[in-house]
């Protein structure tokens, strides 16, 4: 298992085996990095959280040897897949780690939380000194509506109060979904779910 540098807190900030961009994904997805800081206290409108196009939640054709219920994340594609069986998966658009903060490996969901609290690490405070040292969970929290913690690592799958970052390379190694999508995923996967993180390096 390989891990890149990352910062606890999964604030705004690529993986291993090769994989082609999924059908419908932007051709430039592997290169896009969004230069934007965290915005604690921002509460997006329902319209802003409604994704359209390839990043909208949808059932897709997906071949894998992993059993139904497995979560597979393709970082370079900006998609998270929940395997359904019969060559199908429920696909979610995600925001991923910036270059240098991406990783690949296999983990299991070790904990789940509704409206998780946020504690930006010192390194993030150094980059963004305006950030609070602690923020309780809620609609304006950058961690969003749900958190799915990955093993004993500092990484997690979580929501976001910045829906415009979906499909972008923005974080310190975590994976973000719009709040409606992370809530849907949270309700579908139990603690112990296998999570496979894959990455194709950009050429």
Protein backbone atom coordinates (compact mmCIF):
# COMPACT_ATOMS: atom_id res chain seq x y z
CA UNK A 1 0.00 0.00 0.00
CA UNK A 2 1.38 3.40 -0.94
CA UNK A 3 0.53 6.66 0.73
CA UNK A 4 1.51 10.17 -0.32
CA UNK A 5 1.92 13.19 1.92
CA UNK A 6 -1.32 14.40 3.42
CA UNK A 7 -2.66 16.58 6.17
CA UNK A 8 -5.23 15.71 8.76
CA UNK A 9 -8.48 17.54 8.29
CA UNK A 10 -8.70 16.98 4.53
CA UNK A 11 -8.65 20.62 3.58
CA UNK A 12 -8.16 22.01 0.10
CA UNK A 13 -4.68 21.32 -1.22
CA UNK A 14 -2.46 11.55 -7.88
CA UNK A 15 -2.33 7.25 -7.28
CA UNK A 16 -0.58 3.93 -8.79
CA UNK A 17 -1.86 1.44 -11.38
CA UNK A 18 -3.00 2.72 -14.76
CA UNK A 19 -6.65 3.25 -15.58
CA UNK A 20 -8.37 4.96 -18.47
CA UNK A 21 -10.67 7.89 -17.94
CA UNK A 22 -14.23 6.74 -17.51
CA UNK A 23 -16.70 7.35 -20.29
CA UNK A 24 -18.15 10.81 -19.85
CA UNK A 25 -15.31 12.11 -17.68
CA UNK A 26 -13.57 15.29 -18.86
CA UNK A 27 -10.43 14.46 -20.85
CA UNK A 28 -8.50 16.98 -18.76
CA UNK A 29 -9.68 15.56 -15.43
CA UNK A 30 -6.27 14.14 -14.58
CA UNK A 31 -4.69 17.61 -14.89
CA UNK A 32 -7.23 19.91 -13.27
CA UNK A 33 -6.25 21.42 -9.93
CA UNK A 34 -8.49 24.01 -8.35
CA UNK A 35 -6.66 26.81 -6.53
CA UNK A 36 -9.16 27.54 -3.79
CA UNK A 37 -9.00 27.64 -0.01
CA UNK A 38 -11.43 26.25 2.52
CA UNK A 39 -14.48 28.36 3.24
CA UNK A 40 -15.70 27.55 6.77
CA UNK A 41 -19.20 28.88 7.33
CA UNK A 42 -20.21 28.81 3.68
CA UNK A 43 -23.59 27.13 3.16
CA UNK A 44 -24.22 26.21 -0.49
CA UNK A 45 -27.66 26.57 -2.03
CA UNK A 46 -29.60 23.44 -3.03
CA UNK A 47 -29.16 24.49 -6.67
CA UNK A 48 -25.37 24.63 -6.30
CA UNK A 49 -25.35 21.12 -4.82
CA UNK A 50 -27.32 19.65 -7.72
CA UNK A 51 -24.73 18.05 -10.01
CA UNK A 52 -25.38 17.50 -13.71
CA UNK A 53 -23.56 15.62 -16.44
CA UNK A 54 -20.96 12.91 -15.74
CA UNK A 55 -20.46 13.86 -12.09
CA UNK A 56 -24.13 13.38 -11.19
CA UNK A 57 -24.87 10.19 -9.23
CA UNK A 58 -25.86 7.45 -11.68
CA UNK A 59 -25.83 3.71 -12.35
CA UNK A 60 -23.13 2.76 -14.86
CA UNK A 61 -21.62 -0.28 -16.54
CA UNK A 62 -18.57 -1.29 -14.48
CA UNK A 63 -16.48 -4.46 -14.70
CA UNK A 64 -14.56 -5.58 -11.63
CA UNK A 65 -13.62 -8.71 -9.73
CA UNK A 66 -14.50 -7.01 -6.45
CA UNK A 67 -17.71 -8.21 -4.77
CA UNK A 68 -20.88 -6.12 -4.51
CA UNK A 69 -20.68 -3.57 -1.73
CA UNK A 70 -17.04 -2.70 -2.39
CA UNK A 71 -16.13 0.97 -2.85
CA UNK A 72 -13.65 1.64 -5.65
CA UNK A 73 -12.19 5.12 -6.09
CA UNK A 74 -10.52 6.11 -9.37
CA UNK A 75 -8.70 9.28 -8.43
CA UNK A 76 -7.63 10.28 -11.94
CA UNK A 77 -11.22 9.88 -13.19
CA UNK A 78 -12.72 11.81 -10.24
CA UNK A 79 -15.24 9.03 -9.62
CA UNK A 80 -16.19 6.79 -6.71
CA UNK A 81 -17.94 3.52 -7.57
CA UNK A 82 -20.10 1.42 -5.26
CA UNK A 83 -20.11 -2.06 -6.82
CA UNK A 84 -23.61 -3.46 -7.34
CA UNK A 85 -22.87 -6.73 -9.14
CA UNK A 86 -23.87 -7.83 -12.66
CA UNK A 87 -21.27 -5.46 -14.12
CA UNK A 88 -22.99 -2.43 -12.61
CA UNK A 89 -21.94 0.20 -10.10
CA UNK A 90 -23.42 3.32 -8.60
CA UNK A 91 -21.06 6.13 -9.61
CA UNK A 92 -20.51 9.37 -7.70
CA UNK A 93 -18.52 12.43 -8.78
CA UNK A 94 -15.80 13.36 -6.30
CA UNK A 95 -13.09 15.89 -5.54
CA UNK A 96 -9.65 14.36 -4.89
CA UNK A 97 -6.20 15.23 -3.56
CA UNK A 98 -3.92 17.76 -5.15
CA UNK A 99 -0.74 16.58 -6.87
CA UNK A 100 1.60 15.32 -4.19
CA UNK A 101 -1.27 14.47 -1.84
CA UNK A 102 -2.73 11.55 -3.78
CA UNK A 103 -2.35 7.92 -2.76
CA UNK A 104 -3.41 4.40 -3.63
CA UNK A 105 -4.14 1.34 -1.56
CA UNK A 106 -6.78 -0.73 0.16
CA UNK A 107 -8.54 0.28 3.37
CA UNK A 108 -11.78 -0.45 5.18
CA UNK A 109 -14.29 2.00 6.56
CA UNK A 110 -13.43 2.05 10.26
CA UNK A 111 -15.92 4.62 11.48
CA UNK A 112 -18.87 6.68 10.27
CA UNK A 113 -20.02 10.07 11.53
CA UNK A 114 -22.90 12.42 10.82
CA UNK A 115 -21.94 16.09 10.50
CA UNK A 116 -18.33 15.49 11.64
CA UNK A 117 -16.33 18.17 13.44
CA UNK A 118 -13.34 19.78 11.71
CA UNK A 119 -9.89 20.35 13.22
CA UNK A 120 -7.49 21.82 10.63
CA UNK A 121 -3.92 20.59 11.32
CA UNK A 122 -1.05 23.03 11.97
CA UNK A 123 0.23 22.67 8.39
CA UNK A 124 -3.12 23.78 7.03
CA UNK A 125 -3.28 26.68 9.48
CA UNK A 126 0.14 27.77 8.23
CA UNK A 127 -1.15 27.86 4.64
CA UNK A 128 -4.51 29.38 5.57
CA UNK A 129 -4.05 31.28 8.87
CA UNK A 130 -7.62 32.57 8.79
CA UNK A 131 -9.02 29.08 9.43
CA UNK A 132 -10.62 28.27 12.78
CA UNK A 133 -8.75 25.84 15.04
CA UNK A 134 -11.97 23.88 15.56
CA UNK A 135 -15.38 23.93 13.93
CA UNK A 136 -18.34 21.89 15.10
CA UNK A 137 -20.20 19.86 12.52
CA UNK A 138 -22.99 21.58 10.63
CA UNK A 139 -24.08 22.90 7.22
CA UNK A 140 -21.17 25.36 6.94
CA UNK A 141 -18.52 22.83 7.95
CA UNK A 142 -16.00 21.90 5.21
CA UNK A 143 -16.35 18.23 6.19
CA UNK A 144 -19.97 18.30 5.06
CA UNK A 145 -22.88 16.14 6.12
CA UNK A 146 -21.15 12.78 6.62
CA UNK A 147 -17.70 11.32 7.21
CA UNK A 148 -16.51 7.80 6.37
CA UNK A 149 -13.13 7.20 7.99
CA UNK A 150 -10.59 4.99 6.20
CA UNK A 151 -8.80 2.54 8.48
CA UNK A 152 -6.37 4.15 10.93
CA UNK A 153 -5.28 6.74 8.36
CA UNK A 154 -6.00 10.47 8.40
CA UNK A 155 -8.02 10.07 5.20
CA UNK A 156 -11.77 9.95 4.83
CA UNK A 157 -14.63 10.15 2.38
CA UNK A 158 -16.70 13.17 3.35
CA UNK A 159 -19.12 15.82 2.20
CA UNK A 160 -18.30 19.41 1.32
CA UNK A 161 -19.68 22.92 1.54
CA UNK A 162 -17.97 23.69 -1.81
CA UNK A 163 -19.89 21.73 -4.44
CA UNK A 164 -18.02 23.52 -7.22
CA UNK A 165 -14.91 21.50 -6.27
CA UNK A 166 -16.41 18.17 -7.39
CA UNK A 167 -14.38 16.86 -10.33
CA UNK A 168 -11.34 18.83 -9.21
CA UNK A 169 -8.00 18.13 -7.55
CA UNK A 170 -8.38 20.16 -4.37
CA UNK A 171 -7.79 18.30 -1.11
CA UNK A 172 -4.99 17.00 1.09
CA UNK A 173 -5.76 13.39 0.20
CA UNK A 174 -9.40 12.90 1.22
CA UNK A 175 -12.31 12.32 -1.14
CA UNK A 176 -15.23 14.75 -1.15
CA UNK A 177 -18.78 14.40 -2.45
CA UNK A 178 -21.69 16.81 -2.44
CA UNK A 179 -23.71 16.39 0.74
CA UNK A 180 -26.63 14.58 -0.89
CA UNK A 181 -24.24 12.05 -2.43
CA UNK A 182 -22.17 11.41 0.71
CA UNK A 183 -25.40 10.96 2.67
CA UNK A 184 -26.62 8.45 0.08
CA UNK A 185 -23.32 6.56 0.22
CA UNK A 186 -23.26 6.69 4.04
CA UNK A 187 -26.67 5.01 4.16
CA UNK A 188 -25.57 2.25 1.77
CA UNK A 189 -22.22 1.13 3.22
CA UNK A 190 -21.54 -0.25 6.71
CA UNK A 191 -18.43 -0.03 8.85
CA UNK A 192 -16.00 -2.65 7.55
CA UNK A 193 -16.68 -1.94 3.87
CA UNK A 194 -13.62 -2.50 1.66
CA UNK A 195 -12.35 0.64 -0.10
CA UNK A 196 -9.95 0.29 -3.03
CA UNK A 197 -8.19 3.49 -4.11
CA UNK A 198 -6.66 3.49 -7.59
CA UNK A 199 -4.77 6.14 -9.49
CA UNK A 200 -3.37 6.58 -12.96
CA UNK A 201 -0.49 9.02 -13.09
CA UNK A 202 -0.80 11.75 -15.71
CA UNK A 203 1.66 11.47 -18.58
